[in-house]
Amino acid sequence: MRVWIVLCFLLLFRTPVPAQQRLIYDDDCSQDVDCVATLPILHTLADRGEIKILAMVADSANPLSAPTLKLFANYAGHPQMPVGANQGNDPSNVLCRKNACNESQWTEKLVARFDPGDTRIHYPDCVAVYRSALAKQPPHSVAIVATGFATCLNRLLASPADAISPLSGAELVKQKVKLLSVMGGKYPSGTEWNFECDAPGFHALFSQWTRQHGYPPVYLNGFANGLYILAGAPAKASPAVNPTRYGLQLAKTDQRPMWDMLSALFAVRGLAYQGTTYFTQSAPGTVTVDAATGADRWSTAVDSGHYVLTNAASNETFSALFDGYAHTTGFLAKEPARTDK
């Protein structure tokens, strides 16, 4: 009898386990090497049961971006994870070409070492992957984390009903997605690399993706948030085995700012988690992006369901959570379980 009383007490007062967040990760994984630190953390969060990665898509026109996403999935022991590729040439505007936004020497060397011969032609188009992933999910359950360009998202929104789903892409998003977490911009106004490289794309995305048009909320992490939050693989990790260590070695650095991971962290853990407040959010407003320059402007005059996030925790708190180079307890300090999920 006493055993049953104790069990009932424990069940009544146990700490509730957060629901596993369904997530689609959308990244350029091209010029900047920062994704080599973000990708393994996402897979670690999946191993911990915090997220279910429905798919990852590469939004850059670089032919090795999708293979880079895939090799990290293989390294983490998740080879069955769906990966989609941008099979087009966008972004291709003047600023993208000026910034060489689709070019990457480090992905060439990384793929050559860990998965030689792979290229984007081996992957389904990112829109098909998006549609397949969303069509199978419960209503308002999916977080999309977009940390690169708007190419695949815009094409998803424009996609018609097909054999995958009788819903259009816009309808799928409105029915299945709970939030869009974006890394990009400088707030309240300014220019930032992601928005600049795909200025027409982000102009179109934020013009359409509004509360007035029936879309879920957008949460924005600006460039300044992640600039001084550094993370990398352990110094003892072998670059012959660990793609994070090798990728950072190619960039001649041991750590990289964690811009993208902040957007992913918010999508997974929200403003606060287990007693730690990570972010505060602005009042609802509207972000606009100039289609020619990529300059963004934030205003609370109109509620479009857009929110700007500000770091509430210190840079050191975030670094200690992510990093494995200067910290021994961060996500990157541990080797992946390498068990297929």
Protein backbone atom coordinates (compact mmCIF):
# COMPACT_ATOMS: atom_id res chain seq x y z
CA MET A 1 0.00 0.00 0.00
CA ARG A 2 2.79 2.39 0.93
CA VAL A 3 4.47 1.70 -2.41
CA TRP A 4 1.32 2.72 -4.26
CA ILE A 5 1.04 5.90 -2.21
CA VAL A 6 4.65 6.82 -3.02
CA LEU A 7 4.14 6.08 -6.71
CA CYS A 8 0.98 8.18 -6.84
CA PHE A 9 2.81 11.02 -5.07
CA LEU A 10 5.68 10.89 -7.57
CA LEU A 11 3.32 10.84 -10.53
CA LEU A 12 1.37 13.78 -9.16
CA PHE A 13 4.33 16.00 -8.42
CA ARG A 14 6.88 14.98 -11.03
CA THR A 15 8.28 17.70 -13.28
CA PRO A 16 6.35 17.69 -16.55
CA VAL A 17 8.43 16.64 -19.55
CA PRO A 18 8.16 19.15 -22.41
CA ALA A 19 6.59 17.79 -25.56
CA GLN A 20 9.02 16.81 -28.30
CA GLN A 21 9.13 19.69 -30.78
CA ARG A 22 8.71 18.79 -34.45
CA LEU A 23 11.24 20.82 -36.43
CA ILE A 24 12.30 21.56 -40.01
CA TYR A 25 15.69 23.23 -40.38
CA ASP A 26 16.25 25.46 -43.42
CA ASP A 27 19.82 26.77 -43.90
CA ASP A 28 22.13 27.99 -46.66
CA CYS A 29 25.17 26.09 -45.35
CA SER A 30 27.32 27.81 -47.94
CA GLN A 31 29.81 30.62 -47.48
CA ASP A 32 29.96 30.82 -43.67
CA VAL A 33 31.17 27.81 -41.72
CA ASP A 34 28.92 28.47 -38.71
CA CYS A 35 26.55 25.63 -39.62
CA VAL A 36 29.19 23.04 -38.66
CA ALA A 37 28.55 23.95 -35.03
CA THR A 38 24.76 24.24 -35.26
CA LEU A 39 24.04 20.97 -37.07
CA PRO A 40 25.53 18.58 -34.49
CA ILE A 41 23.73 20.40 -31.68
CA LEU A 42 20.40 19.87 -33.43
CA HIS A 43 21.15 16.16 -33.72
CA THR A 44 22.11 16.06 -30.04
CA LEU A 45 18.79 17.67 -29.13
CA ALA A 46 17.10 14.95 -31.17
CA ASP A 47 19.01 12.27 -29.26
CA ARG A 48 17.90 13.91 -26.01
CA GLY A 49 14.29 13.69 -27.11
CA GLU A 50 13.75 17.45 -27.18
CA ILE A 51 13.10 17.60 -30.91
CA LYS A 52 12.07 15.42 -33.78
CA ILE A 53 13.88 16.56 -36.92
CA LEU A 54 11.34 16.10 -39.70
CA ALA A 55 13.73 17.28 -42.41
CA MET A 56 16.54 19.66 -43.27
CA VAL A 57 16.66 21.69 -46.47
CA ALA A 58 19.51 23.58 -48.10
CA ASP A 59 18.33 26.92 -49.49
CA SER A 60 21.60 27.92 -51.17
CA ALA A 61 22.30 27.22 -54.83
CA ASN A 62 25.68 25.80 -53.83
CA PRO A 63 25.72 22.16 -55.06
CA LEU A 64 27.39 20.95 -51.85
CA SER A 65 25.08 22.52 -49.27
CA ALA A 66 22.65 19.59 -49.13
CA PRO A 67 25.50 17.03 -48.98
CA THR A 68 26.89 18.96 -46.01
CA LEU A 69 23.58 18.64 -44.18
CA LYS A 70 23.58 14.94 -45.00
CA LEU A 71 27.11 14.18 -43.82
CA PHE A 72 26.34 15.68 -40.42
CA ALA A 73 23.21 13.53 -40.22
CA ASN A 74 25.34 10.48 -41.04
CA TYR A 75 27.93 11.48 -38.44
CA ALA A 76 25.21 11.82 -35.80
CA GLY A 77 23.78 8.41 -36.62
CA HIS A 78 20.64 9.76 -38.32
CA PRO A 79 21.19 8.70 -41.95
CA GLN A 80 17.45 8.37 -42.65
CA MET A 81 16.75 12.06 -41.98
CA PRO A 82 15.19 13.63 -45.11
CA VAL A 83 17.36 16.26 -46.80
CA GLY A 84 16.16 18.57 -49.56
CA ALA A 85 18.21 20.67 -51.97
CA ASN A 86 17.61 23.96 -53.70
CA GLN A 87 17.76 22.74 -57.30
CA GLY A 88 17.52 26.25 -58.76
CA ASN A 89 19.94 29.15 -59.17
CA ASP A 90 18.46 31.60 -56.65
CA PRO A 91 19.40 33.63 -54.79
CA SER A 92 21.14 35.25 -57.73
CA ASN A 93 20.57 38.98 -57.25
CA VAL A 94 23.33 41.59 -57.52
CA LEU A 95 24.13 41.61 -53.80
CA CYS A 96 24.25 37.82 -53.66
CA ARG A 97 26.79 37.79 -56.46
CA LYS A 98 28.75 40.61 -54.83
CA ASN A 99 28.87 38.68 -51.54
CA ALA A 100 29.56 35.34 -53.30
CA CYS A 101 26.66 33.99 -51.28
CA ASN A 102 26.46 30.64 -53.08
CA GLU A 103 30.20 30.01 -53.09
CA SER A 104 32.05 27.91 -50.55
CA GLN A 105 35.51 26.41 -50.46
CA TRP A 106 35.08 24.77 -47.08
CA THR A 107 32.09 22.67 -48.18
CA GLU A 108 34.17 21.33 -51.08
CA LYS A 109 36.86 20.10 -48.72
CA LEU A 110 34.42 18.88 -46.07
CA VAL A 111 32.37 16.81 -48.51
CA ALA A 112 35.53 15.54 -50.21
CA ARG A 113 36.72 14.18 -46.87
CA PHE A 114 33.50 12.75 -45.43
CA ASP A 115 31.30 11.94 -48.43
CA PRO A 116 33.29 12.30 -51.66
CA GLY A 117 31.33 12.59 -54.88
CA ASP A 118 28.06 13.68 -53.31
CA THR A 119 26.22 16.66 -54.84
CA ARG A 120 22.77 18.20 -54.81
CA ILE A 121 21.53 16.23 -57.82
CA HIS A 122 21.31 13.21 -55.49
CA TYR A 123 18.63 14.93 -53.38
CA PRO A 124 14.94 15.72 -53.87
CA ASP A 125 13.95 19.33 -54.36
CA CYS A 126 13.50 21.25 -51.12
CA VAL A 127 9.84 22.02 -51.86
CA ALA A 128 8.97 18.33 -52.18
CA VAL A 129 10.75 17.64 -48.89
CA TYR A 130 8.95 20.50 -47.17
CA ARG A 131 5.56 19.35 -48.47
CA SER A 132 6.15 15.71 -47.54
CA ALA A 133 7.26 16.61 -44.03
CA LEU A 134 4.41 19.02 -43.34
CA ALA A 135 1.64 16.90 -44.84
CA LYS A 136 2.13 14.16 -42.24
CA GLN A 137 2.05 16.37 -39.14
CA PRO A 138 -0.72 17.34 -36.71
CA PRO A 139 -2.15 20.86 -36.93
CA HIS A 140 0.02 23.71 -35.68
CA SER A 141 2.80 21.41 -34.48
CA VAL A 142 5.86 22.23 -36.60
CA ALA A 143 8.53 24.84 -35.92
CA ILE A 144 10.44 25.98 -39.01
CA VAL A 145 13.90 27.38 -38.29
CA ALA A 146 15.18 29.46 -41.21
CA THR A 147 18.78 30.61 -40.89
CA GLY A 148 19.81 31.17 -44.49
CA PHE A 149 17.93 32.47 -47.52
CA ALA A 150 14.20 32.60 -48.31
CA THR A 151 14.39 30.60 -51.55
CA CYS A 152 12.85 27.33 -50.42
CA LEU A 153 10.27 28.97 -48.17
CA ASN A 154 8.99 31.22 -50.94
CA ARG A 155 8.78 28.32 -53.35
CA LEU A 156 6.93 26.29 -50.73
CA LEU A 157 4.36 29.06 -50.28
CA ALA A 158 3.87 29.23 -54.05
CA SER A 159 3.56 25.47 -54.52
CA PRO A 160 0.19 24.07 -55.68
CA ALA A 161 -1.65 20.99 -54.49
CA ASP A 162 -0.05 17.80 -55.78
CA ALA A 163 0.22 14.06 -55.18
CA ILE A 164 1.88 14.73 -51.82
CA SER A 165 -1.00 16.80 -50.45
CA PRO A 166 -4.28 18.26 -51.70
CA LEU A 167 -3.29 21.47 -49.93
CA SER A 168 -1.25 24.27 -51.46
CA GLY A 169 2.02 25.18 -49.81
CA ALA A 170 0.47 28.24 -48.20
CA GLU A 171 -2.38 26.11 -46.84
CA LEU A 172 0.05 23.52 -45.49
CA VAL A 173 1.98 26.20 -43.63
CA LYS A 174 -1.15 27.78 -42.18
CA GLN A 175 -2.49 24.41 -41.03
CA LYS A 176 0.68 22.63 -39.86
CA VAL A 177 3.21 25.26 -38.70
CA LYS A 178 3.16 26.81 -35.22
CA LEU A 179 5.99 29.32 -35.71
CA LEU A 180 8.79 30.48 -38.00
CA SER A 181 12.08 31.30 -36.27
CA VAL A 182 14.38 33.38 -38.47
CA MET A 183 18.02 34.36 -38.09
CA GLY A 184 18.60 37.59 -39.96
CA GLY A 185 18.37 41.34 -39.85
CA LYS A 186 19.58 44.20 -37.71
CA TYR A 187 17.00 45.79 -35.44
CA PRO A 188 15.35 48.25 -35.33
CA SER A 189 16.91 48.93 -38.73
CA GLY A 190 20.01 48.15 -40.72
CA THR A 191 21.56 45.62 -43.08
CA GLU A 192 22.62 42.03 -42.45
CA TRP A 193 24.20 39.38 -44.71
CA ASN A 194 21.31 36.90 -45.00
CA PHE A 195 18.71 39.53 -45.86
CA GLU A 196 21.12 41.38 -48.15
CA CYS A 197 22.00 38.26 -50.15
CA ASP A 198 18.34 37.38 -50.73
CA ALA A 199 16.78 40.83 -50.57
CA PRO A 200 13.97 40.12 -53.07
CA GLY A 201 13.22 36.83 -51.35
CA PHE A 202 12.91 38.23 -47.83
CA HIS A 203 10.93 41.21 -49.09
CA ALA A 204 8.42 38.77 -50.58
CA LEU A 205 8.45 36.41 -47.59
CA PHE A 206 7.70 38.99 -44.92
CA SER A 207 5.14 40.73 -47.11
CA GLN A 208 3.18 37.49 -47.41
CA TRP A 209 3.88 35.79 -44.08
CA THR A 210 1.75 37.99 -41.82
CA ARG A 211 -0.99 37.54 -39.26
CA GLN A 212 -3.34 39.39 -41.60
CA HIS A 213 -2.82 36.68 -44.23
CA GLY A 214 -3.44 33.89 -41.71
CA TYR A 215 0.16 32.80 -41.08
CA PRO A 216 1.67 31.73 -37.73
CA PRO A 217 4.00 34.10 -35.85
CA VAL A 218 7.53 34.97 -36.97
CA TYR A 219 10.32 35.36 -34.41
CA LEU A 220 13.45 37.22 -35.48
CA ASN A 221 16.97 36.84 -34.08
CA GLY A 222 19.16 39.66 -35.31
CA PHE A 223 22.86 39.54 -36.15
CA ALA A 224 23.90 41.19 -32.88
CA ASN A 225 22.37 38.46 -30.71
CA GLY A 226 24.84 35.74 -31.66
CA LEU A 227 27.95 37.73 -32.50
CA TYR A 228 29.80 37.11 -29.22
CA ILE A 229 28.40 33.66 -28.44
CA LEU A 230 31.19 31.32 -29.53
CA ALA A 231 31.22 27.55 -29.83
CA GLY A 232 33.33 24.80 -31.33
CA ALA A 233 34.33 21.17 -31.01
CA PRO A 234 36.80 19.99 -28.34
CA ALA A 235 40.44 20.72 -29.14
CA LYS A 236 41.20 17.02 -28.73
CA ALA A 237 38.63 16.04 -31.37
CA SER A 238 40.24 14.63 -34.49
CA PRO A 239 39.55 16.61 -37.69
CA ALA A 240 39.86 13.32 -39.55
CA VAL A 241 36.74 12.07 -37.76
CA ASN A 242 34.85 15.08 -36.41
CA PRO A 243 33.38 17.26 -39.20
CA THR A 244 32.83 20.20 -36.84
CA ARG A 245 36.49 20.26 -35.87
CA TYR A 246 37.57 19.89 -39.49
CA GLY A 247 35.18 22.56 -40.77
CA LEU A 248 36.40 25.09 -38.23
CA GLN A 249 39.99 24.11 -38.98
CA LEU A 250 39.35 24.94 -42.63
CA ALA A 251 38.16 28.38 -41.52
CA LYS A 252 41.32 28.75 -39.41
CA THR A 253 39.38 29.10 -36.17
CA ASP A 254 38.44 26.99 -33.16
CA GLN A 255 35.04 28.57 -32.54
CA ARG A 256 32.38 30.41 -34.50
CA PRO A 257 29.53 32.78 -33.51
CA MET A 258 26.27 30.95 -32.90
CA TRP A 259 23.81 33.13 -34.79
CA ASP A 260 21.83 30.22 -36.21
CA MET A 261 21.68 28.15 -33.06
CA LEU A 262 19.93 30.94 -31.17
CA SER A 263 17.01 30.76 -33.59
CA ALA A 264 16.93 26.99 -33.24
CA LEU A 265 17.13 27.19 -29.44
CA PHE A 266 14.13 29.51 -29.31
CA ALA A 267 12.12 27.19 -31.54
CA VAL A 268 12.90 24.27 -29.22
CA ARG A 269 12.91 25.78 -25.74
CA GLY A 270 11.04 29.05 -26.12
CA LEU A 271 11.74 32.17 -24.10
CA ALA A 272 12.71 30.19 -20.99
CA TYR A 273 13.56 26.62 -20.04
CA GLN A 274 14.09 24.91 -16.68
CA GLY A 275 14.57 28.15 -14.77
CA THR A 276 16.78 29.91 -17.33
CA THR A 277 15.33 32.82 -19.29
CA TYR A 278 16.98 32.88 -22.68
CA PHE A 279 15.11 35.62 -24.52
CA THR A 280 12.61 38.42 -24.24
CA GLN A 281 10.30 39.27 -27.10
CA SER A 282 9.13 42.59 -28.42
CA ALA A 283 5.57 43.73 -28.81
CA PRO A 284 4.07 42.41 -32.05
CA GLY A 285 4.95 44.40 -35.13
CA THR A 286 6.12 44.20 -38.72
CA VAL A 287 9.52 43.67 -40.27
CA THR A 288 9.99 44.89 -43.83
CA VAL A 289 12.96 44.23 -46.10
CA ASP A 290 13.92 46.45 -49.02
CA ALA A 291 13.84 44.33 -52.17
CA ALA A 292 16.84 46.14 -53.67
CA THR A 293 19.19 46.62 -50.72
CA GLY A 294 18.10 44.03 -48.15
CA ALA A 295 17.88 46.73 -45.49
CA ASP A 296 15.35 45.84 -42.83
CA ARG A 297 13.10 48.04 -40.74
CA TRP A 298 11.15 47.08 -37.64
CA SER A 299 7.97 48.84 -36.54
CA THR A 300 5.25 48.14 -33.98
CA ALA A 301 2.74 50.39 -35.74
CA VAL A 302 1.02 47.39 -37.35
CA ASP A 303 0.67 43.93 -35.79
CA SER A 304 1.73 41.48 -38.51
CA GLY A 305 2.56 38.74 -36.02
CA HIS A 306 6.29 39.46 -36.23
CA TYR A 307 8.38 39.59 -33.04
CA VAL A 308 12.00 40.58 -32.43
CA LEU A 309 13.91 38.54 -29.84
CA THR A 310 16.52 39.99 -27.50
CA ASN A 311 18.97 37.93 -25.47
CA ALA A 312 18.06 37.77 -21.78
CA ALA A 313 20.84 35.36 -20.80
CA SER A 314 24.51 36.33 -20.94
CA ASN A 315 26.80 35.41 -23.81
CA GLU A 316 28.66 33.11 -21.41
CA THR A 317 25.44 31.30 -20.49
CA PHE A 318 24.77 30.55 -24.14
CA SER A 319 28.39 29.61 -24.86
CA ALA A 320 28.46 27.22 -21.92
CA LEU A 321 25.31 25.59 -23.27
CA PHE A 322 26.61 25.14 -26.82
CA ASP A 323 30.40 25.01 -26.76
CA GLY A 324 32.78 22.08 -26.50
CA TYR A 325 36.06 23.89 -27.10
CA ALA A 326 36.37 26.11 -24.01
CA HIS A 327 33.63 24.34 -22.02
CA THR A 328 33.35 20.72 -20.99
CA THR A 329 29.58 20.51 -20.53
CA GLY A 330 28.27 22.13 -23.72
CA PHE A 331 26.42 20.19 -26.39
CA LEU A 332 29.49 20.13 -28.63
CA ALA A 333 31.66 18.62 -25.89
CA LYS A 334 30.05 15.24 -26.42
CA GLU A 335 30.39 12.80 -29.28
CA PRO A 336 27.10 11.78 -30.94
CA ALA A 337 25.38 8.58 -29.92
CA ARG A 338 25.43 7.42 -33.57
CA THR A 339 22.24 5.43 -33.28
CA ASP A 340 19.78 5.87 -36.10
CA LYS A 341 16.66 7.64 -34.96
